Amino acid sequence: MAAISRADNSTLGRWWWTVDRWTLGAIGALIGVGYVMMLAASPAVAERIGQSRDIFILKQVVFLALAGAVVVTVSMLSPRGVRRLALAGCIVALILTAATMLVGVEIKGARRWIALPGMSLQPSEFLKPCFAVVAAWLITEGRRSARFHGMIAAFAIFAVIVFLLKSQPDIGMLAVVVAVFAVQLYISGINLYLVGIGMLGLGASAAGAYLLFPHVQSRVQKFLHPSLDSAYQPTMSLEAFGNGGLLGRGPGEGWVKYQLPDAHADFVYAVAGEEFGLVVCLVILGVFAFIVLRGLLRLLKEQDLFVVLSCTGLITGFGLQAFVNMASTLALIPTKGMTLPFVSYGGSSALAVSLGMGMLLALTRRRHHGDPP
């Protein structure tokens, strides 16, 4: 790719010299880490549930290959193309998320998945990137035209998403969507008085979730009282980090993957800590931090409000998802079934995150006079 001439006016040439290659490289590095961690963590999980040792590896190879293709393909779109893709994706994701209430597969008391051949699709994963862009577009258009009630439309879609996620229930996903929308509203210049009301509302909602949803209460109690016998997973995760030390026990030498049912998904960071040590965990953390900070820094000179709001929402969702996974693995917050982007096992997560990162790369490409809006 580096041999492409700057004079190359083809679609590929224009893309290569305008896309943020540093962020693209960091995403590629995370996909590479995802392959390594599937080799490390998934065979033990597959054996424990009576499946072929390679079942998760083979699936994730396909998922991550598709994710890489999605990142590159979507990053070639113009801002208008990103808007259209996000609008179509938001409509489809809303319909499928609602459909989980009727035809969804129930796992651990929640209906979040639709069974497909070879995989289970979690439509709500795609709501995060698509809604971030759609909300940004509606807010921006509402600012440009007094006749277009974009803010009202954005809140209406947000209310539908809140209802659907509460009904599944998926409180963790709901919290991420609320955080993304709240950050976008704050960046758009909403009245600080309303911000204060919103913060009080979030606090009340958190208290309500604790009181109304038994699984939320259980996870909070395990976090507050780690000595309980039911706090098995966080305890095993912390022991894994302790056993790994600075440089780890070595590839394939960990034992936590034989103990935790979600070692290849929610607790893959613990497997990395045990087998590869603190140094590799800090490198993984650094890659996520690099993508988030570089994305925000590229917005400092951006004048288009739509681009600023969209990218802020996409970066917030990506960074918050990574934080929740790593922090819950380290027992810094209550456990939450949320994947580590590109690293954990999961087709829906990998494809949804790749869609969001492709949109981010497309919107932050260097644009010149005459480029499509």
Protein backbone atom coordinates (compact mmCIF):
# COMPACT_ATOMS: atom_id res chain seq x y z
CA MET A 1 0.00 0.00 0.00
CA ALA A 2 2.84 2.39 0.76
CA ALA A 3 3.94 2.12 -2.90
CA ILE A 4 0.79 3.91 -4.08
CA SER A 5 1.73 7.22 -5.66
CA ARG A 6 0.30 10.48 -4.38
CA ALA A 7 -0.59 11.23 -8.00
CA ASP A 8 -2.84 8.14 -8.11
CA ASN A 9 -6.36 9.52 -8.56
CA SER A 10 -8.13 6.19 -8.25
CA THR A 11 -10.58 5.48 -5.44
CA LEU A 12 -7.96 3.37 -3.66
CA GLY A 13 -5.26 5.99 -4.13
CA ARG A 14 -7.41 8.83 -2.83
CA TRP A 15 -8.47 6.71 0.13
CA TRP A 16 -4.92 5.70 1.07
CA TRP A 17 -3.58 9.26 1.13
CA THR A 18 -6.56 10.76 2.99
CA VAL A 19 -7.38 8.09 5.61
CA ASP A 20 -5.80 8.20 9.07
CA ARG A 21 -3.30 5.38 8.56
CA TRP A 22 -2.15 5.47 12.21
CA THR A 23 -5.65 4.69 13.47
CA LEU A 24 -6.11 2.14 10.71
CA GLY A 25 -2.88 0.45 11.80
CA ALA A 26 -3.96 0.45 15.45
CA ILE A 27 -7.25 -1.22 14.49
CA GLY A 28 -5.29 -3.80 12.51
CA ALA A 29 -3.13 -4.43 15.58
CA LEU A 30 -6.23 -5.08 17.72
CA ILE A 31 -7.54 -7.53 15.12
CA GLY A 32 -4.18 -9.30 15.28
CA VAL A 33 -4.41 -9.46 19.08
CA GLY A 34 -7.91 -10.89 18.67
CA TYR A 35 -6.55 -13.78 16.61
CA VAL A 36 -3.84 -14.51 19.18
CA MET A 37 -6.26 -14.42 22.10
CA MET A 38 -8.69 -16.79 20.38
CA LEU A 39 -5.84 -19.27 19.94
CA ALA A 40 -5.00 -18.86 23.63
CA ALA A 41 -8.45 -18.86 25.24
CA SER A 42 -11.07 -20.55 23.09
CA PRO A 43 -9.89 -24.23 22.85
CA ALA A 44 -10.30 -24.75 26.60
CA VAL A 45 -13.78 -23.18 26.56
CA ALA A 46 -14.81 -25.33 23.57
CA GLU A 47 -13.63 -28.52 25.25
CA ARG A 48 -15.50 -27.67 28.44
CA ILE A 49 -18.83 -27.40 26.60
CA GLY A 50 -18.19 -30.52 24.50
CA GLN A 51 -17.38 -28.79 21.20
CA SER A 52 -14.47 -29.17 18.81
CA ARG A 53 -11.35 -27.36 20.07
CA ASP A 54 -11.21 -25.25 16.91
CA ILE A 55 -14.87 -24.24 16.67
CA PHE A 56 -14.48 -20.75 18.17
CA ILE A 57 -11.16 -20.14 16.43
CA LEU A 58 -12.56 -20.92 12.99
CA LYS A 59 -15.61 -18.76 13.56
CA GLN A 60 -13.57 -15.83 14.85
CA VAL A 61 -11.17 -16.04 11.91
CA VAL A 62 -14.16 -15.41 9.64
CA PHE A 63 -15.62 -12.71 11.92
CA LEU A 64 -12.36 -10.76 12.19
CA ALA A 65 -11.65 -11.08 8.46
CA LEU A 66 -15.10 -9.65 7.75
CA ALA A 67 -14.50 -6.95 10.37
CA GLY A 68 -11.29 -5.86 8.64
CA ALA A 69 -13.08 -5.75 5.28
CA VAL A 70 -15.92 -3.70 6.80
CA VAL A 71 -13.49 -1.17 8.30
CA VAL A 72 -11.74 -0.59 4.97
CA THR A 73 -14.92 -0.56 2.86
CA VAL A 74 -16.90 1.81 5.11
CA SER A 75 -13.88 4.11 5.52
CA MET A 76 -14.01 4.79 1.78
CA LEU A 77 -17.46 6.38 2.04
CA SER A 78 -18.15 10.10 1.88
CA PRO A 79 -19.86 11.80 4.86
CA ARG A 80 -23.13 11.61 2.91
CA GLY A 81 -22.59 7.90 2.38
CA VAL A 82 -21.93 7.44 6.09
CA ARG A 83 -25.18 9.24 6.92
CA ARG A 84 -27.18 7.02 4.56
CA LEU A 85 -25.55 3.84 5.83
CA ALA A 86 -26.15 4.85 9.46
CA LEU A 87 -29.81 5.69 8.81
CA ALA A 88 -30.44 2.38 7.05
CA GLY A 89 -28.51 0.49 9.73
CA CYS A 90 -30.40 2.21 12.54
CA ILE A 91 -33.78 1.33 11.02
CA VAL A 92 -32.82 -2.32 10.46
CA ALA A 93 -31.23 -2.62 13.92
CA LEU A 94 -34.33 -1.15 15.58
CA ILE A 95 -36.60 -3.60 13.76
CA LEU A 96 -34.43 -6.60 14.60
CA THR A 97 -33.98 -5.49 18.23
CA ALA A 98 -37.75 -5.27 18.56
CA ALA A 99 -38.02 -8.70 16.91
CA THR A 100 -35.91 -10.25 19.68
CA MET A 101 -38.90 -9.76 21.97
CA LEU A 102 -40.85 -12.22 19.81
CA VAL A 103 -38.38 -14.57 18.14
CA GLY A 104 -35.23 -13.94 20.14
CA VAL A 105 -33.13 -16.59 21.85
CA GLU A 106 -33.26 -16.33 25.65
CA ILE A 107 -29.88 -16.71 27.38
CA LYS A 108 -29.49 -16.19 31.12
CA GLY A 109 -32.91 -14.56 31.33
CA ALA A 110 -32.36 -12.00 28.56
CA ARG A 111 -33.66 -11.92 24.98
CA ARG A 112 -30.94 -10.14 23.00
CA TRP A 113 -30.08 -12.55 20.21
CA ILE A 114 -31.60 -13.83 16.97
CA ALA A 115 -30.50 -17.33 15.97
CA LEU A 116 -28.83 -17.51 12.54
CA PRO A 117 -27.01 -20.42 10.86
CA GLY A 118 -23.61 -20.69 12.54
CA MET A 119 -24.02 -17.71 14.87
CA SER A 120 -26.35 -15.65 17.06
CA LEU A 121 -26.92 -12.05 16.00
CA GLN A 122 -27.26 -9.33 18.64
CA PRO A 123 -28.94 -6.46 16.74
CA SER A 124 -28.54 -3.96 19.59
CA GLU A 125 -24.76 -3.98 19.01
CA PHE A 126 -25.36 -2.17 15.71
CA LEU A 127 -27.53 0.47 17.36
CA LYS A 128 -24.49 2.04 19.06
CA PRO A 129 -22.60 3.26 15.97
CA CYS A 130 -25.66 3.83 13.79
CA PHE A 131 -27.59 5.83 16.38
CA ALA A 132 -24.51 7.94 17.15
CA VAL A 133 -24.33 9.09 13.52
CA VAL A 134 -28.10 9.46 13.09
CA ALA A 135 -28.40 11.52 16.28
CA ALA A 136 -25.52 13.74 15.15
CA TRP A 137 -27.21 14.31 11.79
CA LEU A 138 -30.59 15.12 13.37
CA ILE A 139 -29.07 17.55 15.89
CA THR A 140 -27.02 19.25 13.17
CA GLU A 141 -29.94 19.61 10.77
CA GLY A 142 -32.07 20.98 13.60
CA ARG A 143 -29.45 23.67 14.15
CA ARG A 144 -29.40 24.57 10.45
CA SER A 145 -33.15 24.82 9.96
CA ALA A 146 -35.65 26.07 12.52
CA ARG A 147 -38.41 24.15 10.71
CA PHE A 148 -36.65 20.82 11.16
CA HIS A 149 -37.16 19.54 14.69
CA GLY A 150 -34.05 17.40 14.73
CA MET A 151 -33.57 17.42 18.49
CA ILE A 152 -37.11 16.13 19.05
CA ALA A 153 -36.58 13.40 16.46
CA ALA A 154 -33.29 12.38 18.08
CA PHE A 155 -34.94 12.14 21.50
CA ALA A 156 -37.83 10.12 20.03
CA ILE A 157 -35.44 7.52 18.56
CA PHE A 158 -33.48 7.52 21.81
CA ALA A 159 -36.67 6.83 23.78
CA VAL A 160 -37.50 3.86 21.53
CA ILE A 161 -33.98 2.45 22.03
CA VAL A 162 -34.23 2.90 25.79
CA PHE A 163 -37.55 1.05 25.85
CA LEU A 164 -36.24 -1.85 23.76
CA LEU A 165 -33.02 -2.30 25.71
CA LYS A 166 -34.86 -2.09 29.03
CA SER A 167 -37.29 -4.74 27.86
CA GLN A 168 -34.63 -7.28 26.84
CA PRO A 169 -33.11 -6.37 29.41
CA ASP A 170 -29.61 -5.14 28.52
CA ILE A 171 -28.70 -2.52 31.11
CA GLY A 172 -25.03 -2.40 30.11
CA MET A 173 -25.79 -1.64 26.48
CA LEU A 174 -28.40 0.88 27.59
CA ALA A 175 -25.81 2.65 29.77
CA VAL A 176 -23.41 2.94 26.82
CA VAL A 177 -26.08 4.34 24.50
CA VAL A 178 -27.17 6.84 27.16
CA ALA A 179 -23.55 7.93 27.69
CA VAL A 180 -22.96 8.37 23.95
CA PHE A 181 -26.10 10.47 23.50
CA ALA A 182 -25.38 12.52 26.64
CA VAL A 183 -21.86 13.37 25.41
CA GLN A 184 -23.23 14.38 22.01
CA LEU A 185 -25.82 16.65 23.63
CA TYR A 186 -23.15 18.25 25.80
CA ILE A 187 -20.81 18.85 22.83
CA SER A 188 -23.70 20.30 20.81
CA GLY A 189 -24.01 23.08 23.41
CA ILE A 190 -27.12 22.07 25.33
CA ASN A 191 -28.05 24.28 28.27
CA LEU A 192 -26.04 23.40 31.39
CA TYR A 193 -29.24 23.52 33.45
CA LEU A 194 -30.54 20.64 31.34
CA VAL A 195 -27.21 18.86 31.80
CA GLY A 196 -27.70 19.00 35.56
CA ILE A 197 -31.22 17.61 35.25
CA GLY A 198 -29.89 14.86 33.03
CA MET A 199 -27.21 13.91 35.56
CA LEU A 200 -29.86 13.65 38.29
CA GLY A 201 -31.95 11.53 35.95
CA LEU A 202 -29.03 9.20 35.31
CA GLY A 203 -28.49 8.78 39.04
CA ALA A 204 -32.16 8.00 39.57
CA SER A 205 -32.10 5.54 36.66
CA ALA A 206 -29.07 3.75 38.12
CA ALA A 207 -30.82 3.43 41.47
CA GLY A 208 -33.96 2.19 39.73
CA ALA A 209 -31.99 -0.44 37.79
CA TYR A 210 -30.50 -1.69 41.06
CA LEU A 211 -33.91 -1.97 42.68
CA LEU A 212 -35.87 -3.36 39.72
CA PHE A 213 -33.46 -5.81 38.07
CA PRO A 214 -32.24 -8.73 40.23
CA HIS A 215 -29.20 -9.44 38.01
CA VAL A 216 -28.03 -5.83 38.39
CA GLN A 217 -28.42 -6.04 42.15
CA SER A 218 -26.54 -9.35 42.21
CA ARG A 219 -23.58 -7.94 40.29
CA VAL A 220 -23.38 -4.85 42.48
CA GLN A 221 -23.46 -7.01 45.61
CA LYS A 222 -20.67 -9.20 44.25
CA PHE A 223 -18.62 -6.08 43.55
CA LEU A 224 -19.22 -4.60 47.01
CA HIS A 225 -18.68 -7.92 48.79
CA PRO A 226 -16.04 -9.85 46.83
CA SER A 227 -15.70 -12.38 49.67
CA LEU A 228 -19.08 -13.86 48.74
CA ASP A 229 -18.95 -17.32 47.20
CA SER A 230 -21.00 -16.02 44.26
CA ALA A 231 -18.22 -13.57 43.29
CA TYR A 232 -16.38 -16.42 41.61
CA GLN A 233 -15.54 -14.87 38.24
CA PRO A 234 -14.03 -11.57 39.48
CA THR A 235 -11.98 -13.48 42.06
CA MET A 236 -10.61 -15.92 39.47
CA SER A 237 -9.87 -13.03 37.12
CA LEU A 238 -7.80 -11.17 39.72
CA GLU A 239 -5.91 -14.34 40.57
CA ALA A 240 -5.08 -14.75 36.90
CA PHE A 241 -3.51 -11.30 36.74
CA GLY A 242 -1.55 -12.08 39.88
CA ASN A 243 -0.28 -15.36 38.46
CA GLY A 244 0.75 -13.68 35.22
CA GLY A 245 2.95 -11.08 36.88
CA LEU A 246 5.05 -8.83 34.68
CA LEU A 247 5.77 -11.09 31.70
CA GLY A 248 3.15 -13.83 32.04
CA ARG A 249 3.33 -17.59 32.42
CA GLY A 250 3.73 -18.09 28.68
CA PRO A 251 1.36 -18.84 25.75
CA GLY A 252 -0.92 -21.75 26.56
CA GLU A 253 0.26 -22.00 30.18
CA GLY A 254 -2.66 -20.24 31.84
CA TRP A 255 -5.34 -21.99 33.87
CA VAL A 256 -8.04 -19.33 34.20
CA LYS A 257 -9.43 -20.24 30.77
CA TYR A 258 -10.30 -23.66 32.21
CA GLN A 259 -12.17 -22.05 35.11
CA LEU A 260 -14.20 -19.21 33.63
CA PRO A 261 -17.13 -19.97 31.28
CA ASP A 262 -16.60 -16.71 29.33
CA ALA A 263 -12.80 -16.73 29.23
CA HIS A 264 -12.83 -16.24 25.45
CA ALA A 265 -15.31 -13.37 25.59
CA ASP A 266 -15.99 -11.23 28.65
CA PHE A 267 -12.80 -12.27 30.49
CA VAL A 268 -10.34 -12.52 27.62
CA TYR A 269 -8.30 -9.70 29.20
CA ALA A 270 -7.70 -11.94 32.22
CA VAL A 271 -6.33 -14.66 29.91
CA ALA A 272 -4.01 -12.08 28.37
CA GLY A 273 -2.87 -11.00 31.83
CA GLU A 274 -2.09 -14.53 32.96
CA GLU A 275 -0.36 -15.82 29.84
CA PHE A 276 1.32 -12.66 28.53
CA GLY A 277 1.66 -10.54 31.65
CA LEU A 278 1.31 -6.91 32.65
CA VAL A 279 3.47 -5.61 29.81
CA VAL A 280 1.21 -6.97 27.06
CA CYS A 281 -1.92 -5.85 28.93
CA LEU A 282 -0.53 -2.31 29.08
CA VAL A 283 0.24 -2.46 25.35
CA ILE A 284 -3.36 -3.49 24.63
CA LEU A 285 -4.61 -0.70 26.89
CA GLY A 286 -2.27 1.73 25.12
CA VAL A 287 -3.64 0.81 21.69
CA PHE A 288 -7.20 1.51 22.81
CA ALA A 289 -6.12 4.80 24.41
CA PHE A 290 -4.24 5.76 21.23
CA ILE A 291 -7.33 5.24 19.04
CA VAL A 292 -9.54 7.27 21.39
CA LEU A 293 -7.09 10.15 21.90
CA ARG A 294 -6.06 10.37 18.26
CA GLY A 295 -9.68 10.42 17.18
CA LEU A 296 -10.46 13.27 19.57
CA LEU A 297 -7.35 15.24 18.59
CA ARG A 298 -8.28 15.07 14.91
CA LEU A 299 -11.56 16.81 15.77
CA LEU A 300 -9.89 19.91 17.25
CA LYS A 301 -9.67 21.63 13.85
CA GLU A 302 -12.92 20.22 12.48
CA GLN A 303 -15.56 22.82 11.59
CA ASP A 304 -18.41 20.54 10.54
CA LEU A 305 -20.72 20.01 13.53
CA PHE A 306 -22.06 16.76 12.06
CA VAL A 307 -18.56 15.30 11.85
CA VAL A 308 -17.68 16.47 15.38
CA LEU A 309 -20.83 15.02 16.95
CA SER A 310 -20.68 11.77 14.98
CA CYS A 311 -17.04 11.09 15.74
CA THR A 312 -17.46 12.07 19.39
CA GLY A 313 -20.29 9.56 19.73
CA LEU A 314 -18.40 6.80 17.90
CA ILE A 315 -15.24 7.33 19.96
CA THR A 316 -17.20 7.48 23.22
CA GLY A 317 -18.97 4.21 22.48
CA PHE A 318 -15.74 2.47 21.47
CA GLY A 319 -13.71 3.73 24.41
CA LEU A 320 -16.45 3.13 26.97
CA GLN A 321 -16.97 -0.45 25.78
CA ALA A 322 -13.25 -1.16 26.12
CA PHE A 323 -13.15 0.49 29.55
CA VAL A 324 -16.13 -1.45 30.88
CA ASN A 325 -14.66 -4.77 29.78
CA MET A 326 -11.17 -4.17 31.17
CA ALA A 327 -12.38 -2.49 34.37
CA SER A 328 -14.85 -5.28 35.16
CA THR A 329 -12.15 -7.88 34.49
CA LEU A 330 -9.94 -6.07 37.01
CA ALA A 331 -12.86 -5.87 39.49
CA LEU A 332 -12.80 -2.06 39.38
CA ILE A 333 -16.52 -1.98 38.54
CA PRO A 334 -19.32 -4.57 38.76
CA THR A 335 -19.07 -7.28 36.12
CA LYS A 336 -20.88 -6.65 32.85
CA GLY A 337 -21.17 -8.97 29.87
CA MET A 338 -19.51 -6.61 27.39
CA THR A 339 -16.86 -7.66 24.90
CA LEU A 340 -13.42 -6.13 24.42
CA PRO A 341 -13.56 -4.64 20.89
CA PHE A 342 -11.88 -6.84 18.26
CA VAL A 343 -10.22 -8.96 21.00
CA SER A 344 -13.11 -10.88 22.57
CA TYR A 345 -14.99 -13.62 20.75
CA GLY A 346 -18.23 -12.51 19.13
CA GLY A 347 -19.43 -11.95 15.58
CA SER A 348 -22.01 -9.25 16.31
CA SER A 349 -19.54 -7.28 18.41
CA ALA A 350 -16.70 -7.51 15.89
CA LEU A 351 -18.88 -6.44 12.96
CA ALA A 352 -20.63 -3.64 14.87
CA VAL A 353 -17.35 -2.22 16.19
CA SER A 354 -15.80 -2.44 12.71
CA LEU A 355 -18.78 -0.56 11.31
CA GLY A 356 -18.26 2.22 13.87
CA MET A 357 -14.50 2.40 13.27
CA GLY A 358 -15.04 2.47 9.51
CA MET A 359 -17.43 5.39 9.94
CA LEU A 360 -14.88 7.16 12.15
CA LEU A 361 -12.14 6.74 9.55
CA ALA A 362 -14.46 7.91 6.77
CA LEU A 363 -15.51 11.05 8.63
CA THR A 364 -11.97 11.98 9.70
CA ARG A 365 -10.40 11.58 6.27
CA ARG A 366 -8.73 14.71 4.96
CA ARG A 367 -11.24 16.37 2.69
CA HIS A 368 -10.42 18.82 -0.08
CA HIS A 369 -12.48 21.35 -1.98
CA GLY A 370 -14.72 19.53 -4.43
CA ASP A 371 -14.93 16.30 -2.43
CA PRO A 372 -18.50 14.96 -1.96
CA PRO A 373 -20.10 16.22 1.28
